Amino acid sequence: MDSFDQKHSKIDGMTDSALLGNDPEFDAWLSRELKFDEPYLDDNGFCEQVMARLPAPSRRSEKRASRMQYAAVVAASAIVAWQFPFDAVVTEAVRQSISLYSLVGLGLLASLATMTGGILAARR
């Protein structure tokens, strides 16, 4: 049995109270295990120096990333539209005598607002 198994063999037979979250012994064990006792390793600015030496992203790569984001949004929208039950919505809209044009317009506006928000959030 390796040291990991020896260290964690105490929790093999968890009680129902531990699973329900009201076992003080389990809470104490979990607190001990999650405590971070590792010392911070100072690298004397090595990571910052490496990051500073990396080439700056080119305008071309930023445009490519932007195009990829737009393509991903369009692809995701196409998959959702493909899976959407348009026939059931149209039938229910006719039954409820709701203007189909207002439903489609509302759906398009909501989709465009959501996609625009997602793209703007991803760019920040």
C-alpha atoms as a PDB file:
ATOM      1  CA  MET A   1       0.000   0.000   0.000  1.00  0.00           C
ATOM      2  CA  ASP A   2       1.536   3.332  -1.014  1.00  0.00           C
ATOM      3  CA  SER A   3       1.529   6.467   1.121  1.00  0.00           C
ATOM      4  CA  PHE A   4      -1.500   7.918  -0.691  1.00  0.00           C
ATOM      5  CA  ASP A   5      -3.592   4.845   0.123  1.00  0.00           C
ATOM      6  CA  GLN A   6      -2.406   4.835   3.721  1.00  0.00           C
ATOM      7  CA  LYS A   7      -3.182   8.511   4.121  1.00  0.00           C
ATOM      8  CA  HIS A   8      -6.663   8.242   2.611  1.00  0.00           C
ATOM      9  CA  SER A   9      -7.736   4.819   3.862  1.00  0.00           C
ATOM     10  CA  LYS A  10      -9.684   6.477   6.714  1.00  0.00           C
ATOM     11  CA  ILE A  11     -12.411   7.711   4.375  1.00  0.00           C
ATOM     12  CA  ASP A  12     -13.216   4.421   2.657  1.00  0.00           C
ATOM     13  CA  GLY A  13     -16.133   3.674   4.950  1.00  0.00           C
ATOM     14  CA  MET A  14     -17.946   7.019   4.840  1.00  0.00           C
ATOM     15  CA  THR A  15     -21.052   7.174   6.955  1.00  0.00           C
ATOM     16  CA  ASP A  16     -24.415   8.504   5.869  1.00  0.00           C
ATOM     17  CA  SER A  17     -23.920  11.562   8.066  1.00  0.00           C
ATOM     18  CA  ALA A  18     -20.652  12.309   6.239  1.00  0.00           C
ATOM     19  CA  LEU A  19     -22.384  12.016   2.894  1.00  0.00           C
ATOM     20  CA  LEU A  20     -25.178  14.311   4.063  1.00  0.00           C
ATOM     21  CA  GLY A  21     -22.664  16.900   5.227  1.00  0.00           C
ATOM     22  CA  ASN A  22     -23.334  16.907   8.967  1.00  0.00           C
ATOM     23  CA  ASP A  23     -20.368  14.901  10.257  1.00  0.00           C
ATOM     24  CA  PRO A  24     -17.911  17.016  12.288  1.00  0.00           C
ATOM     25  CA  GLU A  25     -15.153  14.404  11.970  1.00  0.00           C
ATOM     26  CA  PHE A  26     -15.437  14.464   8.189  1.00  0.00           C
ATOM     27  CA  ASP A  27     -15.489  18.275   8.202  1.00  0.00           C
ATOM     28  CA  ALA A  28     -12.292  18.347  10.259  1.00  0.00           C
ATOM     29  CA  TRP A  29     -10.630  15.835   7.927  1.00  0.00           C
ATOM     30  CA  LEU A  30     -11.697  17.840   4.861  1.00  0.00           C
ATOM     31  CA  SER A  31     -10.359  21.064   6.368  1.00  0.00           C
ATOM     32  CA  ARG A  32      -7.002  19.399   7.033  1.00  0.00           C
ATOM     33  CA  GLU A  33      -6.797  17.999   3.501  1.00  0.00           C
ATOM     34  CA  LEU A  34      -7.708  21.264   1.813  1.00  0.00           C
ATOM     35  CA  LYS A  35      -5.284  23.348   3.820  1.00  0.00           C
ATOM     36  CA  PHE A  36      -2.490  24.626   1.596  1.00  0.00           C
ATOM     37  CA  ASP A  37       0.790  24.332   3.472  1.00  0.00           C
ATOM     38  CA  GLU A  38       3.160  24.544   0.505  1.00  0.00           C
ATOM     39  CA  PRO A  39       5.635  27.433   0.688  1.00  0.00           C
ATOM     40  CA  TYR A  40       5.607  29.979  -2.132  1.00  0.00           C
ATOM     41  CA  LEU A  41       8.459  29.423  -4.550  1.00  0.00           C
ATOM     42  CA  ASP A  42       9.945  32.763  -5.538  1.00  0.00           C
ATOM     43  CA  ASP A  43      11.227  32.682  -9.117  1.00  0.00           C
ATOM     44  CA  ASN A  44      12.957  36.094  -8.954  1.00  0.00           C
ATOM     45  CA  GLY A  45      10.764  37.484 -11.744  1.00  0.00           C
ATOM     46  CA  PHE A  46      11.492  34.629 -14.193  1.00  0.00           C
ATOM     47  CA  CYS A  47       7.860  34.245 -15.316  1.00  0.00           C
ATOM     48  CA  GLU A  48       7.476  37.982 -15.906  1.00  0.00           C
ATOM     49  CA  GLN A  49      10.698  38.040 -17.944  1.00  0.00           C
ATOM     50  CA  VAL A  50       9.552  35.146 -20.120  1.00  0.00           C
ATOM     51  CA  MET A  51       6.151  36.767 -20.687  1.00  0.00           C
ATOM     52  CA  ALA A  52       7.834  40.078 -21.594  1.00  0.00           C
ATOM     53  CA  ARG A  53      10.020  38.338 -24.216  1.00  0.00           C
ATOM     54  CA  LEU A  54       7.066  36.740 -25.988  1.00  0.00           C
ATOM     55  CA  PRO A  55       6.117  38.456 -29.241  1.00  0.00           C
ATOM     56  CA  ALA A  56       3.099  40.723 -29.130  1.00  0.00           C
ATOM     57  CA  PRO A  57       0.022  39.324 -30.868  1.00  0.00           C
ATOM     58  CA  SER A  58      -0.239  40.606 -34.415  1.00  0.00           C
ATOM     59  CA  ARG A  59      -3.270  42.449 -35.724  1.00  0.00           C
ATOM     60  CA  ARG A  60      -3.762  39.603 -38.194  1.00  0.00           C
ATOM     61  CA  SER A  61      -4.033  36.986 -35.427  1.00  0.00           C
ATOM     62  CA  GLU A  62      -6.540  39.177 -33.553  1.00  0.00           C
ATOM     63  CA  LYS A  63      -8.681  39.448 -36.700  1.00  0.00           C
ATOM     64  CA  ARG A  64      -8.434  35.682 -37.198  1.00  0.00           C
ATOM     65  CA  ALA A  65      -9.548  35.097 -33.606  1.00  0.00           C
ATOM     66  CA  SER A  66     -12.438  37.499 -34.119  1.00  0.00           C
ATOM     67  CA  ARG A  67     -13.506  35.684 -37.283  1.00  0.00           C
ATOM     68  CA  MET A  68     -13.297  32.368 -35.446  1.00  0.00           C
ATOM     69  CA  GLN A  69     -15.556  33.727 -32.706  1.00  0.00           C
ATOM     70  CA  TYR A  70     -18.115  34.881 -35.260  1.00  0.00           C
ATOM     71  CA  ALA A  71     -17.940  31.512 -37.023  1.00  0.00           C
ATOM     72  CA  ALA A  72     -18.436  29.681 -33.719  1.00  0.00           C
ATOM     73  CA  VAL A  73     -21.486  31.810 -32.893  1.00  0.00           C
ATOM     74  CA  VAL A  74     -22.970  31.231 -36.349  1.00  0.00           C
ATOM     75  CA  ALA A  75     -22.301  27.478 -36.125  1.00  0.00           C
ATOM     76  CA  ALA A  76     -23.863  27.255 -32.662  1.00  0.00           C
ATOM     77  CA  SER A  77     -26.882  29.243 -33.844  1.00  0.00           C
ATOM     78  CA  ALA A  78     -27.268  26.958 -36.854  1.00  0.00           C
ATOM     79  CA  ILE A  79     -27.211  23.874 -34.617  1.00  0.00           C
ATOM     80  CA  VAL A  80     -29.833  25.384 -32.311  1.00  0.00           C
ATOM     81  CA  ALA A  81     -32.000  26.393 -35.275  1.00  0.00           C
ATOM     82  CA  TRP A  82     -31.636  22.893 -36.732  1.00  0.00           C
ATOM     83  CA  GLN A  83     -32.843  21.302 -33.486  1.00  0.00           C
ATOM     84  CA  PHE A  84     -35.606  23.843 -32.811  1.00  0.00           C
ATOM     85  CA  PRO A  85     -39.154  22.536 -33.408  1.00  0.00           C
ATOM     86  CA  PHE A  86     -40.318  25.288 -35.783  1.00  0.00           C
ATOM     87  CA  ASP A  87     -43.375  23.328 -36.905  1.00  0.00           C
ATOM     88  CA  ALA A  88     -44.711  23.058 -33.350  1.00  0.00           C
ATOM     89  CA  VAL A  89     -44.073  26.754 -32.678  1.00  0.00           C
ATOM     90  CA  VAL A  90     -45.767  27.830 -35.900  1.00  0.00           C
ATOM     91  CA  THR A  91     -48.738  25.557 -35.223  1.00  0.00           C
ATOM     92  CA  GLU A  92     -49.119  26.923 -31.697  1.00  0.00           C
ATOM     93  CA  ALA A  93     -48.715  30.507 -32.918  1.00  0.00           C
ATOM     94  CA  VAL A  94     -51.485  29.988 -35.465  1.00  0.00           C
ATOM     95  CA  ARG A  95     -53.653  28.348 -32.820  1.00  0.00           C
ATOM     96  CA  GLN A  96     -53.074  31.251 -30.434  1.00  0.00           C
ATOM     97  CA  SER A  97     -53.511  33.711 -33.329  1.00  0.00           C
ATOM     98  CA  ILE A  98     -50.161  35.363 -32.614  1.00  0.00           C
ATOM     99  CA  SER A  99     -48.550  37.115 -35.525  1.00  0.00           C
ATOM    100  CA  LEU A 100     -45.839  34.880 -36.897  1.00  0.00           C
ATOM    101  CA  TYR A 101     -43.851  37.891 -38.020  1.00  0.00           C
ATOM    102  CA  SER A 102     -43.764  39.321 -34.505  1.00  0.00           C
ATOM    103  CA  LEU A 103     -42.564  35.980 -33.108  1.00  0.00           C
ATOM    104  CA  VAL A 104     -39.825  35.610 -35.704  1.00  0.00           C
ATOM    105  CA  GLY A 105     -38.764  39.223 -35.244  1.00  0.00           C
ATOM    106  CA  LEU A 106     -38.654  38.863 -31.486  1.00  0.00           C
ATOM    107  CA  GLY A 107     -36.626  35.667 -31.785  1.00  0.00           C
ATOM    108  CA  LEU A 108     -34.157  37.236 -34.212  1.00  0.00           C
ATOM    109  CA  LEU A 109     -33.697  40.295 -32.016  1.00  0.00           C
ATOM    110  CA  ALA A 110     -33.135  38.156 -28.923  1.00  0.00           C
ATOM    111  CA  SER A 111     -30.642  35.949 -30.784  1.00  0.00           C
ATOM    112  CA  LEU A 112     -28.717  38.894 -32.158  1.00  0.00           C
ATOM    113  CA  ALA A 113     -28.591  40.578 -28.752  1.00  0.00           C
ATOM    114  CA  THR A 114     -27.330  37.384 -27.136  1.00  0.00           C
ATOM    115  CA  MET A 115     -24.694  36.756 -29.797  1.00  0.00           C
ATOM    116  CA  THR A 116     -23.497  40.368 -29.685  1.00  0.00           C
ATOM    117  CA  GLY A 117     -23.232  40.228 -25.915  1.00  0.00           C
ATOM    118  CA  GLY A 118     -21.274  36.990 -26.077  1.00  0.00           C
ATOM    119  CA  ILE A 119     -18.839  38.357 -28.642  1.00  0.00           C
ATOM    120  CA  LEU A 120     -18.326  41.581 -26.706  1.00  0.00           C
ATOM    121  CA  ALA A 121     -17.768  39.645 -23.481  1.00  0.00           C
ATOM    122  CA  ALA A 122     -15.250  37.355 -25.171  1.00  0.00           C
ATOM    123  CA  ARG A 123     -13.285  40.289 -26.577  1.00  0.00           C
ATOM    124  CA  ARG A 124     -12.804  41.936 -23.168  1.00  0.00           C
END
